[in-house]
Amino acid sequence: MSETSISLLDRLRLQPDEDSWRRLVDLYAPLIRVWLRRYAVTEEDAEDLSQEVMAVVVRELPQFVHNQRPGAFRHWLRAVTVNRLRGLWRERSVTARATGDSHFVAMLDQLEDPNSGLSRLWDQEHDQHVARRLMDLIRPQFEEKTWRAFRRVVLDGQKPAAVAQELGMSVNAVLLAKSRILSRLRQEMHGLTDR
């Protein structure tokens, strides 16, 4: 992956390529399947629906315009997913197992409401998932020692001086590792999360 400053969404809209589409699918298909399984959808239906959601994303992303508001893409993706869930529910007269139709409809309504607790949970889980997956994807771009310094300071909350001593690095090198990886992560997360 090049060090371009163009975000994944912009690359897919302006210069779509196979690697960028693969990255989008790798980021979102697992998350969508987990969400769908949580909402009374069978494993088979979750797989089918996640593919349908990704197909809509592929088809509609060129027309998607990010409004520069935090979470715009995340909200759009949630709306696409909710619409596919509603479609499944209508087509098959699916009822949420053990909870009844009204509970399933209420859950879909909550997911559509950006201010509901369920939507806020969706947003939080989205951002955490995307950050974890992007860290996995960018990790090979950095030397192991650089990554360990970043991890110890940012993810483990250790003081840079302690990490420098632990890893046999200067404090400046630890801070530089943190800065380089955070910059790369922010670049990849641009437009996908609120961070």
C-alpha atoms as a PDB file:
ATOM      1  CA  MET A   1       0.000   0.000   0.000  1.00  0.00           C
ATOM      2  CA  SER A   2       1.446   3.346  -0.980  1.00  0.00           C
ATOM      3  CA  GLU A   3       1.932   6.117   1.549  1.00  0.00           C
ATOM      4  CA  THR A   4      -0.593   8.284  -0.296  1.00  0.00           C
ATOM      5  CA  SER A   5      -2.573  10.834   1.678  1.00  0.00           C
ATOM      6  CA  ILE A   6      -5.737   9.964  -0.220  1.00  0.00           C
ATOM      7  CA  SER A   7      -8.072   8.077   2.093  1.00  0.00           C
ATOM      8  CA  LEU A   8      -9.412   4.644   1.247  1.00  0.00           C
ATOM      9  CA  LEU A   9     -12.832   6.067   0.411  1.00  0.00           C
ATOM     10  CA  ASP A  10     -11.342   8.665  -1.912  1.00  0.00           C
ATOM     11  CA  ARG A  11      -9.155   6.048  -3.595  1.00  0.00           C
ATOM     12  CA  LEU A  12     -12.227   3.914  -4.213  1.00  0.00           C
ATOM     13  CA  ARG A  13     -14.201   6.832  -5.592  1.00  0.00           C
ATOM     14  CA  LEU A  14     -11.447   8.452  -7.666  1.00  0.00           C
ATOM     15  CA  GLN A  15      -8.944   5.719  -8.541  1.00  0.00           C
ATOM     16  CA  PRO A  16     -10.516   2.367  -7.685  1.00  0.00           C
ATOM     17  CA  ASP A  17      -8.150  -0.581  -7.714  1.00  0.00           C
ATOM     18  CA  GLU A  18      -8.333  -4.183  -6.632  1.00  0.00           C
ATOM     19  CA  ASP A  19      -6.161  -3.681  -3.538  1.00  0.00           C
ATOM     20  CA  SER A  20      -8.358  -0.856  -2.247  1.00  0.00           C
ATOM     21  CA  TRP A  21     -11.558  -2.867  -2.789  1.00  0.00           C
ATOM     22  CA  ARG A  22      -9.961  -5.856  -1.042  1.00  0.00           C
ATOM     23  CA  ARG A  23      -8.968  -3.623   1.871  1.00  0.00           C
ATOM     24  CA  LEU A  24     -12.529  -2.314   2.198  1.00  0.00           C
ATOM     25  CA  VAL A  25     -13.979  -5.835   2.135  1.00  0.00           C
ATOM     26  CA  ASP A  26     -11.341  -7.070   4.610  1.00  0.00           C
ATOM     27  CA  LEU A  27     -12.212  -4.196   6.925  1.00  0.00           C
ATOM     28  CA  TYR A  28     -15.976  -4.408   6.803  1.00  0.00           C
ATOM     29  CA  ALA A  29     -17.243  -7.877   5.860  1.00  0.00           C
ATOM     30  CA  PRO A  30     -16.233  -9.481   9.206  1.00  0.00           C
ATOM     31  CA  LEU A  31     -17.719  -6.605  11.195  1.00  0.00           C
ATOM     32  CA  ILE A  32     -21.001  -6.690   9.289  1.00  0.00           C
ATOM     33  CA  ARG A  33     -21.297 -10.471   9.787  1.00  0.00           C
ATOM     34  CA  VAL A  34     -20.770 -10.071  13.551  1.00  0.00           C
ATOM     35  CA  TRP A  35     -23.386  -7.326  13.739  1.00  0.00           C
ATOM     36  CA  LEU A  36     -25.905  -9.347  11.750  1.00  0.00           C
ATOM     37  CA  ARG A  37     -25.396 -12.459  13.871  1.00  0.00           C
ATOM     38  CA  ARG A  38     -26.149 -10.371  16.938  1.00  0.00           C
ATOM     39  CA  TYR A  39     -29.556  -9.375  15.554  1.00  0.00           C
ATOM     40  CA  ALA A  40     -31.267 -12.751  15.288  1.00  0.00           C
ATOM     41  CA  VAL A  41     -29.923 -13.602  11.852  1.00  0.00           C
ATOM     42  CA  THR A  42     -28.731 -17.119  11.091  1.00  0.00           C
ATOM     43  CA  GLU A  43     -25.119 -17.738  10.116  1.00  0.00           C
ATOM     44  CA  GLU A  44     -26.161 -18.389   6.512  1.00  0.00           C
ATOM     45  CA  ASP A  45     -28.303 -15.253   6.338  1.00  0.00           C
ATOM     46  CA  ALA A  46     -25.511 -13.204   7.941  1.00  0.00           C
ATOM     47  CA  GLU A  47     -23.105 -14.382   5.250  1.00  0.00           C
ATOM     48  CA  ASP A  48     -25.609 -13.627   2.460  1.00  0.00           C
ATOM     49  CA  LEU A  49     -26.571 -10.238   3.907  1.00  0.00           C
ATOM     50  CA  SER A  50     -22.972  -9.178   4.450  1.00  0.00           C
ATOM     51  CA  GLN A  51     -22.297  -9.952   0.791  1.00  0.00           C
ATOM     52  CA  GLU A  52     -25.396  -7.967  -0.194  1.00  0.00           C
ATOM     53  CA  VAL A  53     -24.274  -5.019   1.950  1.00  0.00           C
ATOM     54  CA  MET A  54     -20.813  -5.114   0.386  1.00  0.00           C
ATOM     55  CA  ALA A  55     -22.377  -5.317  -3.097  1.00  0.00           C
ATOM     56  CA  VAL A  56     -24.426  -2.178  -2.353  1.00  0.00           C
ATOM     57  CA  VAL A  57     -21.304  -0.453  -1.042  1.00  0.00           C
ATOM     58  CA  VAL A  58     -19.365  -1.352  -4.206  1.00  0.00           C
ATOM     59  CA  ARG A  59     -22.211  -0.187  -6.432  1.00  0.00           C
ATOM     60  CA  GLU A  60     -23.082   3.006  -4.531  1.00  0.00           C
ATOM     61  CA  LEU A  61     -19.717   4.187  -3.177  1.00  0.00           C
ATOM     62  CA  PRO A  62     -18.840   6.177  -6.320  1.00  0.00           C
ATOM     63  CA  GLN A  63     -21.903   8.365  -5.580  1.00  0.00           C
ATOM     64  CA  PHE A  64     -21.238   8.572  -1.825  1.00  0.00           C
ATOM     65  CA  VAL A  65     -20.241  12.095  -0.838  1.00  0.00           C
ATOM     66  CA  HIS A  66     -18.654  12.410   2.576  1.00  0.00           C
ATOM     67  CA  ASN A  67     -20.272  15.434   4.206  1.00  0.00           C
ATOM     68  CA  GLN A  68     -17.186  15.991   6.428  1.00  0.00           C
ATOM     69  CA  ARG A  69     -19.238  15.197   9.510  1.00  0.00           C
ATOM     70  CA  PRO A  70     -17.719  12.649  11.870  1.00  0.00           C
ATOM     71  CA  GLY A  71     -18.933   9.143  11.101  1.00  0.00           C
ATOM     72  CA  ALA A  72     -20.624   9.923   7.770  1.00  0.00           C
ATOM     73  CA  PHE A  73     -19.437   6.717   6.110  1.00  0.00           C
ATOM     74  CA  ARG A  74     -20.102   4.666   9.232  1.00  0.00           C
ATOM     75  CA  HIS A  75     -23.683   6.018   9.384  1.00  0.00           C
ATOM     76  CA  TRP A  76     -24.211   5.330   5.681  1.00  0.00           C
ATOM     77  CA  LEU A  77     -22.917   1.771   6.108  1.00  0.00           C
ATOM     78  CA  ARG A  78     -25.239   1.247   9.074  1.00  0.00           C
ATOM     79  CA  ALA A  79     -28.201   2.512   7.003  1.00  0.00           C
ATOM     80  CA  VAL A  80     -27.340   0.122   4.170  1.00  0.00           C
ATOM     81  CA  THR A  81     -27.112  -2.758   6.654  1.00  0.00           C
ATOM     82  CA  VAL A  82     -30.417  -1.860   8.329  1.00  0.00           C
ATOM     83  CA  ASN A  83     -32.116  -1.645   4.933  1.00  0.00           C
ATOM     84  CA  ARG A  84     -30.852  -5.116   4.021  1.00  0.00           C
ATOM     85  CA  LEU A  85     -32.049  -6.437   7.409  1.00  0.00           C
ATOM     86  CA  ARG A  86     -35.491  -4.900   6.821  1.00  0.00           C
ATOM     87  CA  GLY A  87     -35.557  -6.446   3.352  1.00  0.00           C
ATOM     88  CA  LEU A  88     -34.721  -9.872   4.742  1.00  0.00           C
ATOM     89  CA  TRP A  89     -37.364  -9.490   7.426  1.00  0.00           C
ATOM     90  CA  ARG A  90     -40.011  -8.524   4.852  1.00  0.00           C
ATOM     91  CA  GLU A  91     -39.015 -11.171   2.278  1.00  0.00           C
ATOM     92  CA  ARG A  92     -38.975 -14.069   4.684  1.00  0.00           C
ATOM     93  CA  SER A  93     -41.297 -12.791   7.356  1.00  0.00           C
ATOM     94  CA  VAL A  94     -38.399 -13.412   9.709  1.00  0.00           C
ATOM     95  CA  THR A  95     -39.093 -12.914  13.342  1.00  0.00           C
ATOM     96  CA  ALA A  96     -36.357 -12.348  15.830  1.00  0.00           C
ATOM     97  CA  ARG A  97     -36.085 -15.728  17.478  1.00  0.00           C
ATOM     98  CA  ALA A  98     -37.481 -15.796  20.982  1.00  0.00           C
ATOM     99  CA  THR A  99     -38.152 -12.059  20.984  1.00  0.00           C
ATOM    100  CA  GLY A 100     -41.048 -11.546  18.565  1.00  0.00           C
ATOM    101  CA  ASP A 101     -41.709  -9.242  15.641  1.00  0.00           C
ATOM    102  CA  SER A 102     -42.155  -6.054  17.647  1.00  0.00           C
ATOM    103  CA  HIS A 103     -38.749  -6.441  19.307  1.00  0.00           C
ATOM    104  CA  PHE A 104     -37.051  -6.974  15.930  1.00  0.00           C
ATOM    105  CA  VAL A 105     -38.774  -3.926  14.404  1.00  0.00           C
ATOM    106  CA  ALA A 106     -37.914  -1.831  17.469  1.00  0.00           C
ATOM    107  CA  MET A 107     -34.274  -2.907  17.168  1.00  0.00           C
ATOM    108  CA  LEU A 108     -34.203  -1.847  13.507  1.00  0.00           C
ATOM    109  CA  ASP A 109     -35.797   1.492  14.429  1.00  0.00           C
ATOM    110  CA  GLN A 110     -33.122   2.037  17.091  1.00  0.00           C
ATOM    111  CA  LEU A 111     -30.377   1.278  14.578  1.00  0.00           C
ATOM    112  CA  GLU A 112     -31.842   3.879  12.231  1.00  0.00           C
ATOM    113  CA  ASP A 113     -31.912   6.517  14.987  1.00  0.00           C
ATOM    114  CA  PRO A 114     -28.375   7.958  15.210  1.00  0.00           C
ATOM    115  CA  ASN A 115     -29.019   9.092  18.795  1.00  0.00           C
ATOM    116  CA  SER A 116     -30.133   5.735  20.198  1.00  0.00           C
ATOM    117  CA  GLY A 117     -27.958   3.739  22.550  1.00  0.00           C
ATOM    118  CA  LEU A 118     -27.859   0.885  20.051  1.00  0.00           C
ATOM    119  CA  SER A 119     -26.575   3.191  17.298  1.00  0.00           C
ATOM    120  CA  ARG A 120     -23.935   4.647  19.609  1.00  0.00           C
ATOM    121  CA  LEU A 121     -22.830   1.096  20.488  1.00  0.00           C
ATOM    122  CA  TRP A 122     -22.700   0.257  16.754  1.00  0.00           C
ATOM    123  CA  ASP A 123     -20.566   3.366  16.152  1.00  0.00           C
ATOM    124  CA  GLN A 124     -18.185   2.549  18.996  1.00  0.00           C
ATOM    125  CA  GLU A 125     -17.767  -1.061  17.882  1.00  0.00           C
ATOM    126  CA  HIS A 126     -17.247   0.095  14.297  1.00  0.00           C
ATOM    127  CA  ASP A 127     -14.451   2.487  15.226  1.00  0.00           C
ATOM    128  CA  GLN A 128     -12.731  -0.072  17.451  1.00  0.00           C
ATOM    129  CA  HIS A 129     -12.945  -2.771  14.785  1.00  0.00           C
ATOM    130  CA  VAL A 130     -11.647  -0.509  12.012  1.00  0.00           C
ATOM    131  CA  ALA A 131      -8.758   0.735  14.169  1.00  0.00           C
ATOM    132  CA  ARG A 132      -7.744  -2.843  15.106  1.00  0.00           C
ATOM    133  CA  ARG A 133      -7.965  -4.089  11.515  1.00  0.00           C
ATOM    134  CA  LEU A 134      -6.041  -1.110  10.148  1.00  0.00           C
ATOM    135  CA  MET A 135      -3.317  -1.620  12.750  1.00  0.00           C
ATOM    136  CA  ASP A 136      -3.045  -5.227  11.580  1.00  0.00           C
ATOM    137  CA  LEU A 137      -2.840  -4.063   7.968  1.00  0.00           C
ATOM    138  CA  ILE A 138      -0.204  -1.355   8.482  1.00  0.00           C
ATOM    139  CA  ARG A 139       1.955  -3.275  10.940  1.00  0.00           C
ATOM    140  CA  PRO A 140       4.114  -4.927   8.223  1.00  0.00           C
ATOM    141  CA  GLN A 141       5.121  -1.440   7.033  1.00  0.00           C
ATOM    142  CA  PHE A 142       7.146  -0.878  10.205  1.00  0.00           C
ATOM    143  CA  GLU A 143      10.114  -2.571  11.806  1.00  0.00           C
ATOM    144  CA  GLU A 144       9.271  -4.798  14.758  1.00  0.00           C
ATOM    145  CA  LYS A 145      11.110  -2.600  17.274  1.00  0.00           C
ATOM    146  CA  THR A 146       9.275   0.486  16.015  1.00  0.00           C
ATOM    147  CA  TRP A 147       5.938  -1.322  16.345  1.00  0.00           C
ATOM    148  CA  ARG A 148       6.768  -2.563  19.857  1.00  0.00           C
ATOM    149  CA  ALA A 149       7.653   0.980  20.955  1.00  0.00           C
ATOM    150  CA  PHE A 150       4.342   2.264  19.549  1.00  0.00           C
ATOM    151  CA  ARG A 151       2.385  -0.566  21.149  1.00  0.00           C
ATOM    152  CA  ARG A 152       3.966  -0.149  24.587  1.00  0.00           C
ATOM    153  CA  VAL A 153       3.385   3.631  24.666  1.00  0.00           C
ATOM    154  CA  VAL A 154       0.037   3.984  22.891  1.00  0.00           C
ATOM    155  CA  LEU A 155      -1.775   0.724  23.593  1.00  0.00           C
ATOM    156  CA  ASP A 156      -0.197  -0.315  26.890  1.00  0.00           C
ATOM    157  CA  GLY A 157       0.049   3.229  28.312  1.00  0.00           C
ATOM    158  CA  GLN A 158       3.709   3.019  29.284  1.00  0.00           C
ATOM    159  CA  LYS A 159       5.901   6.105  29.663  1.00  0.00           C
ATOM    160  CA  PRO A 160       8.245   6.727  26.717  1.00  0.00           C
ATOM    161  CA  ALA A 161      11.305   6.740  29.008  1.00  0.00           C
ATOM    162  CA  ALA A 162      10.427   3.319  30.412  1.00  0.00           C
ATOM    163  CA  VAL A 163       9.814   1.928  26.911  1.00  0.00           C
ATOM    164  CA  ALA A 164      13.098   3.405  25.668  1.00  0.00           C
ATOM    165  CA  GLN A 165      14.974   1.666  28.472  1.00  0.00           C
ATOM    166  CA  GLU A 166      13.069  -1.602  27.948  1.00  0.00           C
ATOM    167  CA  LEU A 167      13.753  -1.674  24.190  1.00  0.00           C
ATOM    168  CA  GLY A 168      17.242  -0.169  24.212  1.00  0.00           C
ATOM    169  CA  MET A 169      16.172   2.918  22.281  1.00  0.00           C
ATOM    170  CA  SER A 170      16.417   6.630  22.894  1.00  0.00           C
ATOM    171  CA  VAL A 171      13.337   8.407  24.193  1.00  0.00           C
ATOM    172  CA  ASN A 172      13.341  10.414  20.971  1.00  0.00           C
ATOM    173  CA  ALA A 173      13.271   7.189  18.896  1.00  0.00           C
ATOM    174  CA  VAL A 174      10.302   5.934  20.934  1.00  0.00           C
ATOM    175  CA  LEU A 175       8.424   9.198  20.431  1.00  0.00           C
ATOM    176  CA  LEU A 176       9.264   9.152  16.729  1.00  0.00           C
ATOM    177  CA  ALA A 177       7.956   5.561  16.429  1.00  0.00           C
ATOM    178  CA  LYS A 178       4.734   6.593  18.145  1.00  0.00           C
ATOM    179  CA  SER A 179       4.358   9.627  15.906  1.00  0.00           C
ATOM    180  CA  ARG A 180       5.083   7.789  12.634  1.00  0.00           C
ATOM    181  CA  ILE A 181       2.645   4.963  13.313  1.00  0.00           C
ATOM    182  CA  LEU A 182      -0.102   7.240  14.630  1.00  0.00           C
ATOM    183  CA  SER A 183       0.285   9.425  11.552  1.00  0.00           C
ATOM    184  CA  ARG A 184      -0.001   6.399   9.253  1.00  0.00           C
ATOM    185  CA  LEU A 185      -2.989   5.078  11.200  1.00  0.00           C
ATOM    186  CA  ARG A 186      -4.771   8.440  11.055  1.00  0.00           C
ATOM    187  CA  GLN A 187      -4.128   8.567   7.326  1.00  0.00           C
ATOM    188  CA  GLU A 188      -5.758   5.164   6.837  1.00  0.00           C
ATOM    189  CA  MET A 189      -8.639   5.941   9.207  1.00  0.00           C
ATOM    190  CA  HIS A 190      -9.421   9.270   7.532  1.00  0.00           C
ATOM    191  CA  GLY A 191     -13.124   9.348   6.689  1.00  0.00           C
ATOM    192  CA  LEU A 192     -13.823   5.923   8.185  1.00  0.00           C
ATOM    193  CA  THR A 193     -14.012   6.818  11.879  1.00  0.00           C
ATOM    194  CA  ASP A 194     -14.366   9.853  14.107  1.00  0.00           C
ATOM    195  CA  ARG A 195     -10.693   9.806  15.040  1.00  0.00           C
END
